[in-house]
Amino acid sequence: MTKEKILIVGGGFAGAKAALDLSEDERFDITLLSDKKIFTYFPTLYHVATGGDKSNASIPLNSLTESKNIKLHFGKAVKLDRQSKRIITAEGESYSYDSLILALGVVTNYFNIKGLQELSFGVKSIEDVEKLKAHLHEQLISEHKPDLNYVIVGGGPTGIELAGALPEYLRQVMLQHKIENRSVHIDLVESAPRLLARMPRDTSRMVQRRLRRLGVKLYLGKRVQGETANDLMVDNKLIQSHTVIWTAGTANNPFFSENGFTLSSNHKVATDIYLQAEPNIFVIGDNANTPYSGMAQTAVHDGEYLAENLKRRTSGKKLKSYMAKAPITIIPVGEGWAAVNYGVFRTYGMLGWVLRQAADAVAFHDYEPWAKAGRQWLTTNNVEESCPVCAARQAAI
């Protein structure tokens, strides 16, 4: 039996899910090409940035694909040769396909604001958060006091989660290093008039109230104009800071514009009712112009949907049209508190926090058997510090 060669580019939520689901069917010859060697679980990156174990937000891709009908390769896709049905990588490798699934994820967008790319910190990868965590320690140790202002730019879930966790983490670091307890100033800057602009106003209001109770100062309806080594310009006013964390902007992967795909007005790839951009070329996850694109749950849903449809096509069954699925949004804001939004259902506080912990366990199970997923989930309670003083004190507890 001749197997259909399926090439999946991107080892994130959508690509990895499609690969795992398709690997259950022996009619497919599956290759997964990723420019990263780990699967990053983005919802817990803020936790890693504030002292958590990095394994809580990362799983080696070869661990996910072991014992699966998946050929795993690493490289950055740069060119699509439609005529020969091949993807060429920056490393000069070439991968052929019968059907191509593109799930490359997004890149950081600094909106050409002067100084941000060079000077700000990010929370979009393990490398980003490790760099941020190292900076937080180094600044506190070298100056023996907190920064004047820790400024987070972006009022979406990532910025809010980080703003909620950062005050307590900084206090713990000062305690570990026996630094005099001083007030910590956390600023959150958002260009929209409210946080979580895409969510209901009551959720936005509750989250804003929670952050203010944690001591976070909100700059709403304010635009960042530039950054220097010592301060951030916001609406023509300077905020003194050596710690600016950018969570605000993303842009579609440049692979699509560079390879002549049809893009919608929001620069995402136009697809048909089967998530097909061109014959036998499918685009899923953050790259596709679909409702709720950019959400992790949407990427998982896309991977599941496409895997099922490709199985149906191979069996000669009628294809199912893509139906968007509204995600459940759960945003933790400090220890023991989270906002939950699902349709008309809302809850805030400890129940939301418990639901978030349960949601993470289920999400890990989307990619691993329950035993592995359970061990992954338990790393939530682990701490990890590269700072030898903090590591020694944590080990002694």
Foldseek 3Di string as FASTA:
>chain_A
DAAFEEEEEACELQRLLLQQLLQVDPSHQAEYEYQDQWYFQQVCLLVQLLFFDRLLGIDGVCVLCPPTSYHYYYFAFFEADPVQQWTAGPVGDIDHGPFYEYEHDWAFDPVPFAPCVPQAAERRDNVRSQVSSVVQLVVCVVVLDGWPEAEEEAQEQVSQQNLQSVQVSSQVSSVLVVRPDDHYEYEYEYLAQFGPVVDDPVLRVVSVVLSVVVVYHYHGNWDWRHDDCFWTQIPNDTDGGNHYYYPHGIAHDCSQVSHPADADPRRAGEADQLQHRDVSYHYAALRHPDPPRPDSVRSNVNSVLNSVQVVCVVVVHDGDGDDGDDDWDWHDRYPQWIWTDDPPDIDIGNVSVVVVLVVQLVSLCSRDPNVVSVVSSVSSPPGDDPPPSVVVVVVVD
